[in-house]
Amino acid sequence: MNFKYIGLTAFGLLFTITANGATTINTDKDKLSYALGMMISEQVLKQYGEVDYQLLLEGIKAQTEGKETRMTLDEAGAALTTSQRKITEAKFAGTKKSGAAFLAENAAKDGVITTESGLQYTIITEGEGLKPKASDTVTVHYRGTLLDGSEFDSSYSRNQPASFGLNQVIPAWTEGVQLMNIGSKYKFVVPYELGYGERGAGQSIGPYETLIFEVELLEIK
């Protein structure tokens, strides 16, 4: 027996189900319903792994219709953040492990100094000028690389020194450049907590990356 049943989805949109359980897409509303499902999956759900679709649809329906929800938007945001952090930690566990191993090995090398925060540095050239404060603006030449040696940024490559406020950069730079006299050149090994953390930066620096910088302090403005 061939019949059709018209029902109401959790999105509040009509859809048609045939006797064998398959859905048909006939109207513009049908197309919109299916398209929204695809877009939500592609742009949102794939970031979070397995979900309970019954609760997912319940949440969509309640929020769309302005009904009472089981959690606040702040609580929902916190749940998403927690889930994303767990996914990222699992995905980049190897990066964290290799970074920790590199830091431990590097700390044992002659000439390497480790600060209380975990920042490691080696003095390549010691200058005789003044040292900057966190509130100062400095001009430097620098080169940044990943542990595999690939360069992600370099003022030397651009042939143009960079100027910035020391309180406007990653924690490793704020701390490390204050150790330097004008004319000094240091090598810094930066734990991810003092660099770009759990998120990384741009296309070149992934989450939990341990970074290496060579920095030459040219001027305090």
C-alpha atoms as a PDB file:
ATOM      1  CA  MET A   1       0.000   0.000   0.000  1.00  0.00           C
ATOM      2  CA  ASN A   2       1.449   3.347  -1.025  1.00  0.00           C
ATOM      3  CA  PHE A   3       0.509   6.339   1.106  1.00  0.00           C
ATOM      4  CA  LYS A   4       2.050   9.555   2.345  1.00  0.00           C
ATOM      5  CA  TYR A   5       2.096  11.104   5.764  1.00  0.00           C
ATOM      6  CA  ILE A   6       2.542  14.801   6.378  1.00  0.00           C
ATOM      7  CA  GLY A   7       4.362  15.509   9.658  1.00  0.00           C
ATOM      8  CA  LEU A   8       5.965  18.406  11.527  1.00  0.00           C
ATOM      9  CA  THR A   9       9.740  18.359  11.997  1.00  0.00           C
ATOM     10  CA  ALA A  10      11.616  19.812  14.967  1.00  0.00           C
ATOM     11  CA  PHE A  11      12.430  22.771  12.748  1.00  0.00           C
ATOM     12  CA  GLY A  12       8.718  23.475  12.503  1.00  0.00           C
ATOM     13  CA  LEU A  13       8.799  22.697   8.752  1.00  0.00           C
ATOM     14  CA  LEU A  14       6.600  20.240   6.852  1.00  0.00           C
ATOM     15  CA  PHE A  15       8.081  17.148   5.289  1.00  0.00           C
ATOM     16  CA  THR A  16       6.654  14.103   3.507  1.00  0.00           C
ATOM     17  CA  ILE A  17       7.404  10.499   4.429  1.00  0.00           C
ATOM     18  CA  THR A  18       6.581   7.623   2.100  1.00  0.00           C
ATOM     19  CA  ALA A  19       5.469   4.207   3.308  1.00  0.00           C
ATOM     20  CA  ASN A  20       9.019   2.794   3.185  1.00  0.00           C
ATOM     21  CA  GLY A  21      10.336   5.574   5.434  1.00  0.00           C
ATOM     22  CA  ALA A  22      12.076   7.629   2.748  1.00  0.00           C
ATOM     23  CA  THR A  23      11.447  11.361   2.536  1.00  0.00           C
ATOM     24  CA  THR A  24      10.516  13.242  -0.588  1.00  0.00           C
ATOM     25  CA  ILE A  25      11.562  16.768  -1.424  1.00  0.00           C
ATOM     26  CA  ASN A  26       8.905  18.520  -3.463  1.00  0.00           C
ATOM     27  CA  THR A  27       8.280  22.052  -2.251  1.00  0.00           C
ATOM     28  CA  ASP A  28      10.591  24.979  -1.592  1.00  0.00           C
ATOM     29  CA  LYS A  29       9.955  24.439   2.097  1.00  0.00           C
ATOM     30  CA  ASP A  30      11.074  20.812   1.767  1.00  0.00           C
ATOM     31  CA  LYS A  31      14.247  21.936   0.027  1.00  0.00           C
ATOM     32  CA  LEU A  32      14.950  24.565   2.669  1.00  0.00           C
ATOM     33  CA  SER A  33      14.445  22.014   5.462  1.00  0.00           C
ATOM     34  CA  TYR A  34      16.850  19.534   3.928  1.00  0.00           C
ATOM     35  CA  ALA A  35      19.360  22.228   3.001  1.00  0.00           C
ATOM     36  CA  LEU A  36      19.392  23.565   6.566  1.00  0.00           C
ATOM     37  CA  GLY A  37      20.087  20.082   7.868  1.00  0.00           C
ATOM     38  CA  MET A  38      22.981  19.682   5.465  1.00  0.00           C
ATOM     39  CA  MET A  39      24.468  23.077   6.311  1.00  0.00           C
ATOM     40  CA  ILE A  40      24.160  22.544  10.061  1.00  0.00           C
ATOM     41  CA  SER A  41      25.932  19.215   9.684  1.00  0.00           C
ATOM     42  CA  GLU A  42      28.656  20.528   7.388  1.00  0.00           C
ATOM     43  CA  GLN A  43      29.425  23.798   9.162  1.00  0.00           C
ATOM     44  CA  VAL A  44      28.694  22.933  12.802  1.00  0.00           C
ATOM     45  CA  LEU A  45      28.139  19.291  13.715  1.00  0.00           C
ATOM     46  CA  LYS A  46      31.285  17.952  12.049  1.00  0.00           C
ATOM     47  CA  GLN A  47      33.329  20.014  14.502  1.00  0.00           C
ATOM     48  CA  TYR A  48      31.892  18.220  17.512  1.00  0.00           C
ATOM     49  CA  GLY A  49      31.728  14.546  16.609  1.00  0.00           C
ATOM     50  CA  GLU A  50      28.895  12.315  17.762  1.00  0.00           C
ATOM     51  CA  VAL A  51      25.682  13.967  18.976  1.00  0.00           C
ATOM     52  CA  ASP A  52      22.247  12.872  20.233  1.00  0.00           C
ATOM     53  CA  TYR A  53      19.982  13.900  17.363  1.00  0.00           C
ATOM     54  CA  GLN A  54      16.835  13.758  19.469  1.00  0.00           C
ATOM     55  CA  LEU A  55      18.257  16.318  21.898  1.00  0.00           C
ATOM     56  CA  LEU A  56      19.719  18.309  19.004  1.00  0.00           C
ATOM     57  CA  LEU A  57      16.310  18.673  17.374  1.00  0.00           C
ATOM     58  CA  GLU A  58      14.662  19.383  20.728  1.00  0.00           C
ATOM     59  CA  GLY A  59      17.116  22.215  21.347  1.00  0.00           C
ATOM     60  CA  ILE A  60      16.576  23.663  17.872  1.00  0.00           C
ATOM     61  CA  LYS A  61      12.785  23.530  18.264  1.00  0.00           C
ATOM     62  CA  ALA A  62      12.765  25.100  21.728  1.00  0.00           C
ATOM     63  CA  GLN A  63      15.155  27.902  20.787  1.00  0.00           C
ATOM     64  CA  THR A  64      13.438  28.636  17.467  1.00  0.00           C
ATOM     65  CA  GLU A  65       9.968  28.764  19.017  1.00  0.00           C
ATOM     66  CA  GLY A  66      11.087  30.775  22.036  1.00  0.00           C
ATOM     67  CA  LYS A  67      10.163  28.057  24.515  1.00  0.00           C
ATOM     68  CA  GLU A  68      11.918  27.282  27.779  1.00  0.00           C
ATOM     69  CA  THR A  69      15.216  25.493  27.166  1.00  0.00           C
ATOM     70  CA  ARG A  70      17.035  23.017  29.370  1.00  0.00           C
ATOM     71  CA  MET A  71      20.057  25.288  29.660  1.00  0.00           C
ATOM     72  CA  THR A  72      20.907  28.940  29.171  1.00  0.00           C
ATOM     73  CA  LEU A  73      22.792  30.229  26.142  1.00  0.00           C
ATOM     74  CA  ASP A  74      25.827  30.823  28.388  1.00  0.00           C
ATOM     75  CA  GLU A  75      25.675  27.201  29.559  1.00  0.00           C
ATOM     76  CA  ALA A  76      25.291  26.054  25.961  1.00  0.00           C
ATOM     77  CA  GLY A  77      28.331  28.080  24.941  1.00  0.00           C
ATOM     78  CA  ALA A  78      30.351  26.607  27.794  1.00  0.00           C
ATOM     79  CA  ALA A  79      29.345  23.077  26.741  1.00  0.00           C
ATOM     80  CA  LEU A  80      30.489  23.738  23.179  1.00  0.00           C
ATOM     81  CA  THR A  81      33.784  25.192  24.384  1.00  0.00           C
ATOM     82  CA  THR A  82      34.440  22.184  26.631  1.00  0.00           C
ATOM     83  CA  SER A  83      33.650  19.759  23.826  1.00  0.00           C
ATOM     84  CA  GLN A  84      35.853  21.607  21.337  1.00  0.00           C
ATOM     85  CA  ARG A  85      38.732  21.698  23.811  1.00  0.00           C
ATOM     86  CA  LYS A  86      38.530  17.933  24.363  1.00  0.00           C
ATOM     87  CA  ILE A  87      38.468  17.282  20.614  1.00  0.00           C
ATOM     88  CA  THR A  88      41.441  19.582  20.034  1.00  0.00           C
ATOM     89  CA  GLU A  89      43.426  18.045  22.899  1.00  0.00           C
ATOM     90  CA  ALA A  90      42.875  14.554  21.524  1.00  0.00           C
ATOM     91  CA  LYS A  91      43.734  15.583  17.969  1.00  0.00           C
ATOM     92  CA  PHE A  92      46.951  17.376  18.924  1.00  0.00           C
ATOM     93  CA  ALA A  93      48.098  15.133  21.779  1.00  0.00           C
ATOM     94  CA  GLY A  94      51.151  14.195  19.724  1.00  0.00           C
ATOM     95  CA  THR A  95      52.083  17.847  19.250  1.00  0.00           C
ATOM     96  CA  LYS A  96      51.909  18.463  23.000  1.00  0.00           C
ATOM     97  CA  LYS A  97      53.986  15.362  23.726  1.00  0.00           C
ATOM     98  CA  SER A  98      56.715  16.180  21.223  1.00  0.00           C
ATOM     99  CA  GLY A  99      56.853  19.776  22.468  1.00  0.00           C
ATOM    100  CA  ALA A 100      57.264  18.660  26.079  1.00  0.00           C
ATOM    101  CA  ALA A 101      59.996  16.211  25.086  1.00  0.00           C
ATOM    102  CA  PHE A 102      61.851  18.886  23.127  1.00  0.00           C
ATOM    103  CA  LEU A 103      61.694  21.320  26.046  1.00  0.00           C
ATOM    104  CA  ALA A 104      62.995  18.710  28.477  1.00  0.00           C
ATOM    105  CA  GLU A 105      65.905  17.820  26.185  1.00  0.00           C
ATOM    106  CA  ASN A 106      66.710  21.435  25.416  1.00  0.00           C
ATOM    107  CA  ALA A 107      66.702  22.426  29.097  1.00  0.00           C
ATOM    108  CA  ALA A 108      69.628  20.082  29.726  1.00  0.00           C
ATOM    109  CA  LYS A 109      71.842  21.718  27.100  1.00  0.00           C
ATOM    110  CA  ASP A 110      74.743  23.974  28.072  1.00  0.00           C
ATOM    111  CA  GLY A 111      73.891  27.652  28.000  1.00  0.00           C
ATOM    112  CA  VAL A 112      70.124  27.186  28.104  1.00  0.00           C
ATOM    113  CA  ILE A 113      68.368  29.129  30.858  1.00  0.00           C
ATOM    114  CA  THR A 114      64.807  28.277  31.898  1.00  0.00           C
ATOM    115  CA  THR A 115      62.742  30.960  33.614  1.00  0.00           C
ATOM    116  CA  GLU A 116      60.098  30.346  36.261  1.00  0.00           C
ATOM    117  CA  SER A 117      57.362  30.523  33.632  1.00  0.00           C
ATOM    118  CA  GLY A 118      58.996  27.775  31.553  1.00  0.00           C
ATOM    119  CA  LEU A 119      60.440  30.045  28.874  1.00  0.00           C
ATOM    120  CA  GLN A 120      63.872  28.866  27.682  1.00  0.00           C
ATOM    121  CA  TYR A 121      66.513  31.135  26.211  1.00  0.00           C
ATOM    122  CA  THR A 122      70.088  31.099  25.018  1.00  0.00           C
ATOM    123  CA  ILE A 123      72.248  34.201  24.683  1.00  0.00           C
ATOM    124  CA  ILE A 124      73.718  34.368  21.188  1.00  0.00           C
ATOM    125  CA  THR A 125      75.063  37.926  21.478  1.00  0.00           C
ATOM    126  CA  GLU A 126      74.993  40.052  24.635  1.00  0.00           C
ATOM    127  CA  GLY A 127      74.491  43.755  24.068  1.00  0.00           C
ATOM    128  CA  GLU A 128      75.406  46.629  26.352  1.00  0.00           C
ATOM    129  CA  GLY A 129      72.419  48.940  25.927  1.00  0.00           C
ATOM    130  CA  LEU A 130      69.340  49.473  28.056  1.00  0.00           C
ATOM    131  CA  LYS A 131      66.719  46.842  28.778  1.00  0.00           C
ATOM    132  CA  PRO A 132      63.092  47.568  27.873  1.00  0.00           C
ATOM    133  CA  LYS A 133      60.074  47.509  30.175  1.00  0.00           C
ATOM    134  CA  ALA A 134      56.756  45.824  29.402  1.00  0.00           C
ATOM    135  CA  SER A 135      55.235  49.222  28.649  1.00  0.00           C
ATOM    136  CA  ASP A 136      57.912  50.087  26.055  1.00  0.00           C
ATOM    137  CA  THR A 137      57.744  49.850  22.294  1.00  0.00           C
ATOM    138  CA  VAL A 138      60.715  48.049  20.773  1.00  0.00           C
ATOM    139  CA  THR A 139      62.180  47.457  17.327  1.00  0.00           C
ATOM    140  CA  VAL A 140      63.528  43.997  16.615  1.00  0.00           C
ATOM    141  CA  HIS A 141      64.671  41.640  13.929  1.00  0.00           C
ATOM    142  CA  TYR A 142      63.386  38.104  14.437  1.00  0.00           C
ATOM    143  CA  ARG A 143      62.874  34.687  12.911  1.00  0.00           C
ATOM    144  CA  GLY A 144      60.240  32.195  14.059  1.00  0.00           C
ATOM    145  CA  THR A 145      60.325  28.461  13.308  1.00  0.00           C
ATOM    146  CA  LEU A 146      58.482  25.310  14.293  1.00  0.00           C
ATOM    147  CA  LEU A 147      60.296  22.380  15.880  1.00  0.00           C
ATOM    148  CA  ASP A 148      60.767  20.798  12.453  1.00  0.00           C
ATOM    149  CA  GLY A 149      62.705  23.883  11.352  1.00  0.00           C
ATOM    150  CA  SER A 150      60.048  25.303   9.030  1.00  0.00           C
ATOM    151  CA  GLU A 151      59.947  29.099   9.142  1.00  0.00           C
ATOM    152  CA  PHE A 152      56.556  30.692   9.761  1.00  0.00           C
ATOM    153  CA  ASP A 153      57.614  34.332  10.089  1.00  0.00           C
ATOM    154  CA  SER A 154      60.766  36.423   9.676  1.00  0.00           C
ATOM    155  CA  SER A 155      61.540  40.115   9.601  1.00  0.00           C
ATOM    156  CA  TYR A 156      64.911  39.156   8.092  1.00  0.00           C
ATOM    157  CA  SER A 157      63.121  37.642   5.089  1.00  0.00           C
ATOM    158  CA  ARG A 158      61.150  40.860   4.657  1.00  0.00           C
ATOM    159  CA  ASN A 159      64.320  42.916   5.200  1.00  0.00           C
ATOM    160  CA  GLN A 160      62.262  45.107   7.512  1.00  0.00           C
ATOM    161  CA  PRO A 161      62.554  45.240  11.338  1.00  0.00           C
ATOM    162  CA  ALA A 162      59.318  45.083  13.320  1.00  0.00           C
ATOM    163  CA  SER A 163      58.155  47.514  16.013  1.00  0.00           C
ATOM    164  CA  PHE A 164      55.536  46.693  18.640  1.00  0.00           C
ATOM    165  CA  GLY A 165      54.544  47.288  22.235  1.00  0.00           C
ATOM    166  CA  LEU A 166      55.859  44.593  24.551  1.00  0.00           C
ATOM    167  CA  ASN A 167      52.488  44.387  26.268  1.00  0.00           C
ATOM    168  CA  GLN A 168      50.773  43.620  22.956  1.00  0.00           C
ATOM    169  CA  VAL A 169      52.493  40.360  22.000  1.00  0.00           C
ATOM    170  CA  ILE A 170      52.554  36.747  23.190  1.00  0.00           C
ATOM    171  CA  PRO A 171      53.645  36.234  26.828  1.00  0.00           C
ATOM    172  CA  ALA A 172      56.992  34.731  25.809  1.00  0.00           C
ATOM    173  CA  TRP A 173      57.943  37.914  23.977  1.00  0.00           C
ATOM    174  CA  THR A 174      56.733  40.193  26.749  1.00  0.00           C
ATOM    175  CA  GLU A 175      58.882  38.298  29.229  1.00  0.00           C
ATOM    176  CA  GLY A 176      61.834  37.398  27.037  1.00  0.00           C
ATOM    177  CA  VAL A 177      62.585  40.701  25.331  1.00  0.00           C
ATOM    178  CA  GLN A 178      62.694  42.420  28.740  1.00  0.00           C
ATOM    179  CA  LEU A 179      65.706  40.230  29.541  1.00  0.00           C
ATOM    180  CA  MET A 180      67.641  41.670  26.604  1.00  0.00           C
ATOM    181  CA  ASN A 181      69.870  44.712  26.320  1.00  0.00           C
ATOM    182  CA  ILE A 182      69.845  46.746  23.126  1.00  0.00           C
ATOM    183  CA  GLY A 183      72.231  45.028  20.733  1.00  0.00           C
ATOM    184  CA  SER A 184      71.519  41.552  22.135  1.00  0.00           C
ATOM    185  CA  LYS A 185      70.430  38.533  20.162  1.00  0.00           C
ATOM    186  CA  TYR A 186      68.700  35.680  21.988  1.00  0.00           C
ATOM    187  CA  LYS A 187      67.209  32.351  21.019  1.00  0.00           C
ATOM    188  CA  PHE A 188      63.914  31.557  22.746  1.00  0.00           C
ATOM    189  CA  VAL A 189      62.161  28.204  22.964  1.00  0.00           C
ATOM    190  CA  VAL A 190      58.526  28.905  23.742  1.00  0.00           C
ATOM    191  CA  PRO A 191      56.124  26.424  25.388  1.00  0.00           C
ATOM    192  CA  TYR A 192      52.677  26.580  23.836  1.00  0.00           C
ATOM    193  CA  GLU A 193      51.250  28.146  27.017  1.00  0.00           C
ATOM    194  CA  LEU A 194      53.487  31.186  26.452  1.00  0.00           C
ATOM    195  CA  GLY A 195      52.886  31.247  22.691  1.00  0.00           C
ATOM    196  CA  TYR A 196      49.621  30.783  20.829  1.00  0.00           C
ATOM    197  CA  GLY A 197      48.136  28.262  23.231  1.00  0.00           C
ATOM    198  CA  GLU A 198      45.367  25.828  22.425  1.00  0.00           C
ATOM    199  CA  ARG A 199      44.223  27.637  19.283  1.00  0.00           C
ATOM    200  CA  GLY A 200      47.404  28.311  17.346  1.00  0.00           C
ATOM    201  CA  ALA A 201      47.654  31.204  14.889  1.00  0.00           C
ATOM    202  CA  GLY A 202      46.814  31.366  11.203  1.00  0.00           C
ATOM    203  CA  GLN A 203      47.666  28.546   8.829  1.00  0.00           C
ATOM    204  CA  SER A 204      51.258  28.020   9.969  1.00  0.00           C
ATOM    205  CA  ILE A 205      51.037  27.634  13.760  1.00  0.00           C
ATOM    206  CA  GLY A 206      48.771  24.858  14.969  1.00  0.00           C
ATOM    207  CA  PRO A 207      47.346  24.322  18.461  1.00  0.00           C
ATOM    208  CA  TYR A 208      49.820  23.396  21.214  1.00  0.00           C
ATOM    209  CA  GLU A 209      52.865  24.228  19.101  1.00  0.00           C
ATOM    210  CA  THR A 210      56.214  24.765  20.817  1.00  0.00           C
ATOM    211  CA  LEU A 211      57.980  27.576  18.946  1.00  0.00           C
ATOM    212  CA  ILE A 212      61.552  28.762  18.429  1.00  0.00           C
ATOM    213  CA  PHE A 213      62.427  32.422  17.960  1.00  0.00           C
ATOM    214  CA  GLU A 214      65.697  34.200  17.315  1.00  0.00           C
ATOM    215  CA  VAL A 215      65.281  37.823  18.374  1.00  0.00           C
ATOM    216  CA  GLU A 216      67.668  40.745  17.959  1.00  0.00           C
ATOM    217  CA  LEU A 217      66.800  43.874  19.975  1.00  0.00           C
ATOM    218  CA  LEU A 218      67.631  46.923  17.899  1.00  0.00           C
ATOM    219  CA  GLU A 219      65.926  49.843  19.618  1.00  0.00           C
ATOM    220  CA  ILE A 220      63.688  50.950  22.474  1.00  0.00           C
ATOM    221  CA  LYS A 221      61.315  53.710  21.454  1.00  0.00           C
END
